[in-house]
Amino acid sequence: MEQTTDLGLGAKIARALPPPAFWAFLFLLGAVFAGAYAVGQAVDPVAPGTHRPGVTGDAPTREEDMPMDHEGAH
């Protein structure tokens, strides 16, 4: 008698899908990016001179308005 390994449809589908660890990795990666985005939105821009669209800051707009008093201990 000859033995044959006939895989059922469920086994063929399970073999074609990626392992569960792959899906867990993608979920964690998405959660980290979503968390980083949420924190970035909550703390506002942190680089000097960057503002949200439509927000005017306290930075001078013209060069004449910039203070030029360089008082230091030289």
PDB file of N, CA and C in Angstrom:
ATOM      1  N   MET A   1       0.814  -1.158   0.000  1.00  0.00           N
ATOM      2  CA  MET A   1       0.000   0.000   0.000  1.00  0.00           C
ATOM      3  C   MET A   1       0.874   1.244   0.000  1.00  0.00           C
ATOM      4  N   GLU A   2       0.487   2.125  -0.797  1.00  0.00           N
ATOM      5  CA  GLU A   2       1.267   3.339  -0.948  1.00  0.00           C
ATOM      6  C   GLU A   2       0.617   4.459  -0.138  1.00  0.00           C
ATOM      7  N   GLN A   3       1.433   5.185   0.652  1.00  0.00           N
ATOM      8  CA  GLN A   3       0.906   6.281   1.449  1.00  0.00           C
ATOM      9  C   GLN A   3       1.092   7.594   0.691  1.00  0.00           C
ATOM     10  N   THR A   4       0.055   8.334   0.656  1.00  0.00           N
ATOM     11  CA  THR A   4       0.136   9.650   0.028  1.00  0.00           C
ATOM     12  C   THR A   4      -0.270  10.691   1.056  1.00  0.00           C
ATOM     13  N   THR A   5       0.398  11.791   1.007  1.00  0.00           N
ATOM     14  CA  THR A   5       0.042  12.877   1.920  1.00  0.00           C
ATOM     15  C   THR A   5      -0.804  13.882   1.150  1.00  0.00           C
ATOM     16  N   ASP A   6      -2.089  13.752   1.318  1.00  0.00           N
ATOM     17  CA  ASP A   6      -3.013  14.645   0.650  1.00  0.00           C
ATOM     18  C   ASP A   6      -3.372  15.770   1.620  1.00  0.00           C
ATOM     19  N   LEU A   7      -2.876  16.963   1.313  1.00  0.00           N
ATOM     20  CA  LEU A   7      -3.167  18.103   2.165  1.00  0.00           C
ATOM     21  C   LEU A   7      -4.558  18.625   1.859  1.00  0.00           C
ATOM     22  N   GLY A   8      -5.287  18.892   2.900  1.00  0.00           N
ATOM     23  CA  GLY A   8      -6.613  19.455   2.724  1.00  0.00           C
ATOM     24  C   GLY A   8      -6.522  20.923   2.347  1.00  0.00           C
ATOM     25  N   LEU A   9      -7.649  21.486   2.021  1.00  0.00           N
ATOM     26  CA  LEU A   9      -7.696  22.887   1.616  1.00  0.00           C
ATOM     27  C   LEU A   9      -7.240  23.797   2.753  1.00  0.00           C
ATOM     28  N   GLY A  10      -7.632  23.499   3.977  1.00  0.00           N
ATOM     29  CA  GLY A  10      -7.229  24.305   5.137  1.00  0.00           C
ATOM     30  C   GLY A  10      -5.728  24.308   5.341  1.00  0.00           C
ATOM     31  N   ALA A  11      -5.086  23.161   5.145  1.00  0.00           N
ATOM     32  CA  ALA A  11      -3.635  23.080   5.303  1.00  0.00           C
ATOM     33  C   ALA A  11      -2.925  23.846   4.204  1.00  0.00           C
ATOM     34  N   LYS A  12      -3.477  23.836   3.006  1.00  0.00           N
ATOM     35  CA  LYS A  12      -2.863  24.583   1.898  1.00  0.00           C
ATOM     36  C   LYS A  12      -2.950  26.088   2.150  1.00  0.00           C
ATOM     37  N   ILE A  13      -4.096  26.528   2.660  1.00  0.00           N
ATOM     38  CA  ILE A  13      -4.267  27.954   2.954  1.00  0.00           C
ATOM     39  C   ILE A  13      -3.352  28.366   4.106  1.00  0.00           C
ATOM     40  N   ALA A  14      -3.268  27.538   5.136  1.00  0.00           N
ATOM     41  CA  ALA A  14      -2.425  27.861   6.283  1.00  0.00           C
ATOM     42  C   ALA A  14      -0.958  27.939   5.878  1.00  0.00           C
ATOM     43  N   ARG A  15      -0.554  27.117   4.945  1.00  0.00           N
ATOM     44  CA  ARG A  15       0.827  27.135   4.494  1.00  0.00           C
ATOM     45  C   ARG A  15       1.114  28.390   3.664  1.00  0.00           C
ATOM     46  N   ALA A  16       0.110  28.916   2.962  1.00  0.00           N
ATOM     47  CA  ALA A  16       0.300  30.077   2.101  1.00  0.00           C
ATOM     48  C   ALA A  16       0.324  31.385   2.894  1.00  0.00           C
ATOM     49  N   LEU A  17      -0.304  31.422   4.064  1.00  0.00           N
ATOM     50  CA  LEU A  17      -0.345  32.644   4.860  1.00  0.00           C
ATOM     51  C   LEU A  17       0.952  32.829   5.634  1.00  0.00           C
ATOM     52  N   PRO A  18       1.326  34.087   5.909  1.00  0.00           N
ATOM     53  CA  PRO A  18       2.518  34.335   6.729  1.00  0.00           C
ATOM     54  C   PRO A  18       2.292  33.861   8.166  1.00  0.00           C
ATOM     55  N   PRO A  19       3.347  33.629   8.899  1.00  0.00           N
ATOM     56  CA  PRO A  19       3.206  33.157  10.283  1.00  0.00           C
ATOM     57  C   PRO A  19       2.609  34.253  11.179  1.00  0.00           C
ATOM     58  N   PRO A  20       1.999  33.865  12.290  1.00  0.00           N
ATOM     59  CA  PRO A  20       1.387  34.850  13.197  1.00  0.00           C
ATOM     60  C   PRO A  20       2.386  35.871  13.751  1.00  0.00           C
ATOM     61  N   ALA A  21       3.641  35.491  13.900  1.00  0.00           N
ATOM     62  CA  ALA A  21       4.637  36.434  14.403  1.00  0.00           C
ATOM     63  C   ALA A  21       4.808  37.620  13.450  1.00  0.00           C
ATOM     64  N   PHE A  22       4.642  37.387  12.164  1.00  0.00           N
ATOM     65  CA  PHE A  22       4.730  38.464  11.185  1.00  0.00           C
ATOM     66  C   PHE A  22       3.615  39.476  11.409  1.00  0.00           C
ATOM     67  N   TRP A  23       2.395  38.997  11.646  1.00  0.00           N
ATOM     68  CA  TRP A  23       1.271  39.891  11.881  1.00  0.00           C
ATOM     69  C   TRP A  23       1.442  40.635  13.201  1.00  0.00           C
ATOM     70  N   ALA A  24       1.971  39.968  14.211  1.00  0.00           N
ATOM     71  CA  ALA A  24       2.222  40.631  15.488  1.00  0.00           C
ATOM     72  C   ALA A  24       3.267  41.737  15.321  1.00  0.00           C
ATOM     73  N   PHE A  25       4.303  41.483  14.534  1.00  0.00           N
ATOM     74  CA  PHE A  25       5.324  42.497  14.268  1.00  0.00           C
ATOM     75  C   PHE A  25       4.711  43.704  13.555  1.00  0.00           C
ATOM     76  N   LEU A  26       3.881  43.470  12.552  1.00  0.00           N
ATOM     77  CA  LEU A  26       3.247  44.578  11.844  1.00  0.00           C
ATOM     78  C   LEU A  26       2.331  45.379  12.761  1.00  0.00           C
ATOM     79  N   PHE A  27       1.618  44.694  13.643  1.00  0.00           N
ATOM     80  CA  PHE A  27       0.750  45.389  14.582  1.00  0.00           C
ATOM     81  C   PHE A  27       1.565  46.263  15.529  1.00  0.00           C
ATOM     82  N   LEU A  28       2.635  45.730  16.078  1.00  0.00           N
ATOM     83  CA  LEU A  28       3.473  46.506  16.993  1.00  0.00           C
ATOM     84  C   LEU A  28       4.140  47.679  16.279  1.00  0.00           C
ATOM     85  N   LEU A  29       4.567  47.460  15.052  1.00  0.00           N
ATOM     86  CA  LEU A  29       5.179  48.536  14.274  1.00  0.00           C
ATOM     87  C   LEU A  29       4.170  49.666  14.038  1.00  0.00           C
ATOM     88  N   GLY A  30       2.962  49.313  13.683  1.00  0.00           N
ATOM     89  CA  GLY A  30       1.921  50.315  13.496  1.00  0.00           C
ATOM     90  C   GLY A  30       1.584  51.038  14.792  1.00  0.00           C
ATOM     91  N   ALA A  31       1.568  50.308  15.910  1.00  0.00           N
ATOM     92  CA  ALA A  31       1.273  50.932  17.199  1.00  0.00           C
ATOM     93  C   ALA A  31       2.361  51.918  17.593  1.00  0.00           C
ATOM     94  N   VAL A  32       3.620  51.581  17.336  1.00  0.00           N
ATOM     95  CA  VAL A  32       4.718  52.494  17.657  1.00  0.00           C
ATOM     96  C   VAL A  32       4.629  53.756  16.801  1.00  0.00           C
ATOM     97  N   PHE A  33       4.377  53.608  15.513  1.00  0.00           N
ATOM     98  CA  PHE A  33       4.260  54.783  14.653  1.00  0.00           C
ATOM     99  C   PHE A  33       3.058  55.639  15.049  1.00  0.00           C
ATOM    100  N   ALA A  34       1.935  55.010  15.379  1.00  0.00           N
ATOM    101  CA  ALA A  34       0.753  55.765  15.789  1.00  0.00           C
ATOM    102  C   ALA A  34       1.021  56.514  17.092  1.00  0.00           C
ATOM    103  N   GLY A  35       1.703  55.868  18.015  1.00  0.00           N
ATOM    104  CA  GLY A  35       2.047  56.532  19.280  1.00  0.00           C
ATOM    105  C   GLY A  35       2.993  57.698  19.068  1.00  0.00           C
ATOM    106  N   ALA A  36       3.985  57.524  18.210  1.00  0.00           N
ATOM    107  CA  ALA A  36       4.927  58.606  17.933  1.00  0.00           C
ATOM    108  C   ALA A  36       4.224  59.775  17.253  1.00  0.00           C
ATOM    109  N   TYR A  37       3.299  59.483  16.362  1.00  0.00           N
ATOM    110  CA  TYR A  37       2.545  60.539  15.693  1.00  0.00           C
ATOM    111  C   TYR A  37       1.681  61.302  16.688  1.00  0.00           C
ATOM    112  N   ALA A  38       1.026  60.577  17.594  1.00  0.00           N
ATOM    113  CA  ALA A  38       0.167  61.216  18.593  1.00  0.00           C
ATOM    114  C   ALA A  38       0.982  62.105  19.525  1.00  0.00           C
ATOM    115  N   VAL A  39       2.131  61.647  19.950  1.00  0.00           N
ATOM    116  CA  VAL A  39       2.983  62.463  20.817  1.00  0.00           C
ATOM    117  C   VAL A  39       3.476  63.690  20.065  1.00  0.00           C
ATOM    118  N   GLY A  40       3.855  63.539  18.814  1.00  0.00           N
ATOM    119  CA  GLY A  40       4.313  64.668  18.015  1.00  0.00           C
ATOM    120  C   GLY A  40       3.227  65.708  17.818  1.00  0.00           C
ATOM    121  N   GLN A  41       1.994  65.279  17.654  1.00  0.00           N
ATOM    122  CA  GLN A  41       0.891  66.219  17.514  1.00  0.00           C
ATOM    123  C   GLN A  41       0.586  66.921  18.830  1.00  0.00           C
ATOM    124  N   ALA A  42       0.828  66.243  19.937  1.00  0.00           N
ATOM    125  CA  ALA A  42       0.498  66.813  21.244  1.00  0.00           C
ATOM    126  C   ALA A  42       1.511  67.860  21.694  1.00  0.00           C
ATOM    127  N   VAL A  43       2.767  67.728  21.308  1.00  0.00           N
ATOM    128  CA  VAL A  43       3.797  68.625  21.835  1.00  0.00           C
ATOM    129  C   VAL A  43       4.107  69.793  20.914  1.00  0.00           C
ATOM    130  N   ASP A  44       3.505  69.879  19.763  1.00  0.00           N
ATOM    131  CA  ASP A  44       3.752  70.956  18.801  1.00  0.00           C
ATOM    132  C   ASP A  44       5.159  70.847  18.223  1.00  0.00           C
ATOM    133  N   PRO A  45       5.443  71.628  17.195  1.00  0.00           N
ATOM    134  CA  PRO A  45       6.789  71.611  16.614  1.00  0.00           C
ATOM    135  C   PRO A  45       7.832  72.094  17.627  1.00  0.00           C
ATOM    136  N   VAL A  46       8.983  71.470  17.614  1.00  0.00           N
ATOM    137  CA  VAL A  46      10.008  71.814  18.593  1.00  0.00           C
ATOM    138  C   VAL A  46      11.224  72.486  17.970  1.00  0.00           C
ATOM    139  N   ALA A  47      11.313  72.527  16.668  1.00  0.00           N
ATOM    140  CA  ALA A  47      12.455  73.172  16.031  1.00  0.00           C
ATOM    141  C   ALA A  47      12.232  74.685  16.012  1.00  0.00           C
ATOM    142  N   PRO A  48      13.298  75.468  16.155  1.00  0.00           N
ATOM    143  CA  PRO A  48      13.153  76.921  16.146  1.00  0.00           C
ATOM    144  C   PRO A  48      12.610  77.411  14.812  1.00  0.00           C
ATOM    145  N   GLY A  49      11.647  78.293  14.878  1.00  0.00           N
ATOM    146  CA  GLY A  49      11.100  78.903  13.677  1.00  0.00           C
ATOM    147  C   GLY A  49      10.036  78.092  12.973  1.00  0.00           C
ATOM    148  N   THR A  50       9.688  76.939  13.489  1.00  0.00           N
ATOM    149  CA  THR A  50       8.631  76.152  12.847  1.00  0.00           C
ATOM    150  C   THR A  50       7.317  76.427  13.552  1.00  0.00           C
ATOM    151  N   HIS A  51       6.269  76.564  12.782  1.00  0.00           N
ATOM    152  CA  HIS A  51       4.953  76.847  13.326  1.00  0.00           C
ATOM    153  C   HIS A  51       3.931  76.006  12.590  1.00  0.00           C
ATOM    154  N   ARG A  52       2.803  75.828  13.220  1.00  0.00           N
ATOM    155  CA  ARG A  52       1.689  75.169  12.541  1.00  0.00           C
ATOM    156  C   ARG A  52       1.170  76.094  11.453  1.00  0.00           C
ATOM    157  N   PRO A  53       0.528  75.569  10.459  1.00  0.00           N
ATOM    158  CA  PRO A  53      -0.018  76.423   9.401  1.00  0.00           C
ATOM    159  C   PRO A  53      -1.011  77.434   9.972  1.00  0.00           C
ATOM    160  N   GLY A  54      -0.851  78.695   9.590  1.00  0.00           N
ATOM    161  CA  GLY A  54      -1.753  79.737  10.032  1.00  0.00           C
ATOM    162  C   GLY A  54      -1.423  80.341  11.377  1.00  0.00           C
ATOM    163  N   VAL A  55      -0.370  79.862  12.038  1.00  0.00           N
ATOM    164  CA  VAL A  55      -0.004  80.394  13.342  1.00  0.00           C
ATOM    165  C   VAL A  55       1.190  81.310  13.153  1.00  0.00           C
ATOM    166  N   THR A  56       1.055  82.520  13.652  1.00  0.00           N
ATOM    167  CA  THR A  56       2.192  83.439  13.590  1.00  0.00           C
ATOM    168  C   THR A  56       2.903  83.397  14.925  1.00  0.00           C
ATOM    169  N   GLY A  57       4.194  83.349  14.873  1.00  0.00           N
ATOM    170  CA  GLY A  57       4.976  83.254  16.095  1.00  0.00           C
ATOM    171  C   GLY A  57       5.531  84.595  16.505  1.00  0.00           C
ATOM    172  N   ASP A  58       6.390  84.578  17.496  1.00  0.00           N
ATOM    173  CA  ASP A  58       6.997  85.797  17.972  1.00  0.00           C
ATOM    174  C   ASP A  58       8.344  86.062  17.308  1.00  0.00           C
ATOM    175  N   ALA A  59       8.688  85.303  16.305  1.00  0.00           N
ATOM    176  CA  ALA A  59       9.958  85.501  15.606  1.00  0.00           C
ATOM    177  C   ALA A  59       9.850  86.709  14.683  1.00  0.00           C
ATOM    178  N   PRO A  60      10.896  87.532  14.608  1.00  0.00           N
ATOM    179  CA  PRO A  60      10.867  88.685  13.714  1.00  0.00           C
ATOM    180  C   PRO A  60      10.765  88.251  12.258  1.00  0.00           C
ATOM    181  N   THR A  61      10.016  89.018  11.478  1.00  0.00           N
ATOM    182  CA  THR A  61       9.827  88.651  10.079  1.00  0.00           C
ATOM    183  C   THR A  61      10.824  89.356   9.178  1.00  0.00           C
ATOM    184  N   ARG A  62      11.343  90.493   9.608  1.00  0.00           N
ATOM    185  CA  ARG A  62      12.305  91.227   8.792  1.00  0.00           C
ATOM    186  C   ARG A  62      13.642  91.272   9.508  1.00  0.00           C
ATOM    187  N   GLU A  63      14.686  91.434   8.760  1.00  0.00           N
ATOM    188  CA  GLU A  63      16.022  91.463   9.349  1.00  0.00           C
ATOM    189  C   GLU A  63      16.229  92.697  10.219  1.00  0.00           C
ATOM    190  N   GLU A  64      15.541  93.814   9.884  1.00  0.00           N
ATOM    191  CA  GLU A  64      15.689  95.028  10.680  1.00  0.00           C
ATOM    192  C   GLU A  64      15.101  94.853  12.079  1.00  0.00           C
ATOM    193  N   ASP A  65      14.157  93.956  12.221  1.00  0.00           N
ATOM    194  CA  ASP A  65      13.492  93.756  13.503  1.00  0.00           C
ATOM    195  C   ASP A  65      14.293  92.892  14.461  1.00  0.00           C
ATOM    196  N   MET A  66      15.341  92.256  13.971  1.00  0.00           N
ATOM    197  CA  MET A  66      16.113  91.343  14.813  1.00  0.00           C
ATOM    198  C   MET A  66      17.044  92.125  15.735  1.00  0.00           C
ATOM    199  N   PRO A  67      17.067  91.777  17.018  1.00  0.00           N
ATOM    200  CA  PRO A  67      17.970  92.464  17.937  1.00  0.00           C
ATOM    201  C   PRO A  67      19.424  92.095  17.623  1.00  0.00           C
ATOM    202  N   MET A  68      20.276  93.095  17.645  1.00  0.00           N
ATOM    203  CA  MET A  68      21.680  92.872  17.317  1.00  0.00           C
ATOM    204  C   MET A  68      22.604  93.208  18.494  1.00  0.00           C
ATOM    205  N   ASP A  69      22.097  93.138  19.698  1.00  0.00           N
ATOM    206  CA  ASP A  69      22.932  93.451  20.861  1.00  0.00           C
ATOM    207  C   ASP A  69      23.682  92.189  21.287  1.00  0.00           C
ATOM    208  N   HIS A  70      24.931  92.143  20.905  1.00  0.00           N
ATOM    209  CA  HIS A  70      25.779  90.999  21.211  1.00  0.00           C
ATOM    210  C   HIS A  70      26.618  91.319  22.442  1.00  0.00           C
ATOM    211  N   GLU A  71      25.999  91.301  23.580  1.00  0.00           N
ATOM    212  CA  GLU A  71      26.718  91.593  24.800  1.00  0.00           C
ATOM    213  C   GLU A  71      27.204  90.284  25.393  1.00  0.00           C
ATOM    214  N   GLY A  72      28.484  90.116  25.396  1.00  0.00           N
ATOM    215  CA  GLY A  72      29.059  88.907  25.956  1.00  0.00           C
ATOM    216  C   GLY A  72      30.398  89.205  26.600  1.00  0.00           C
ATOM    217  N   ALA A  73      30.879  88.298  27.367  1.00  0.00           N
ATOM    218  CA  ALA A  73      32.178  88.485  28.026  1.00  0.00           C
ATOM    219  C   ALA A  73      33.272  87.992  27.087  1.00  0.00           C
ATOM    220  N   HIS A  74      33.813  88.940  26.317  1.00  0.00           N
ATOM    221  CA  HIS A  74      34.872  88.583  25.387  1.00  0.00           C
ATOM    222  C   HIS A  74      36.220  88.877  25.976  1.00  0.00           C
TER     223      HIS A  74
END
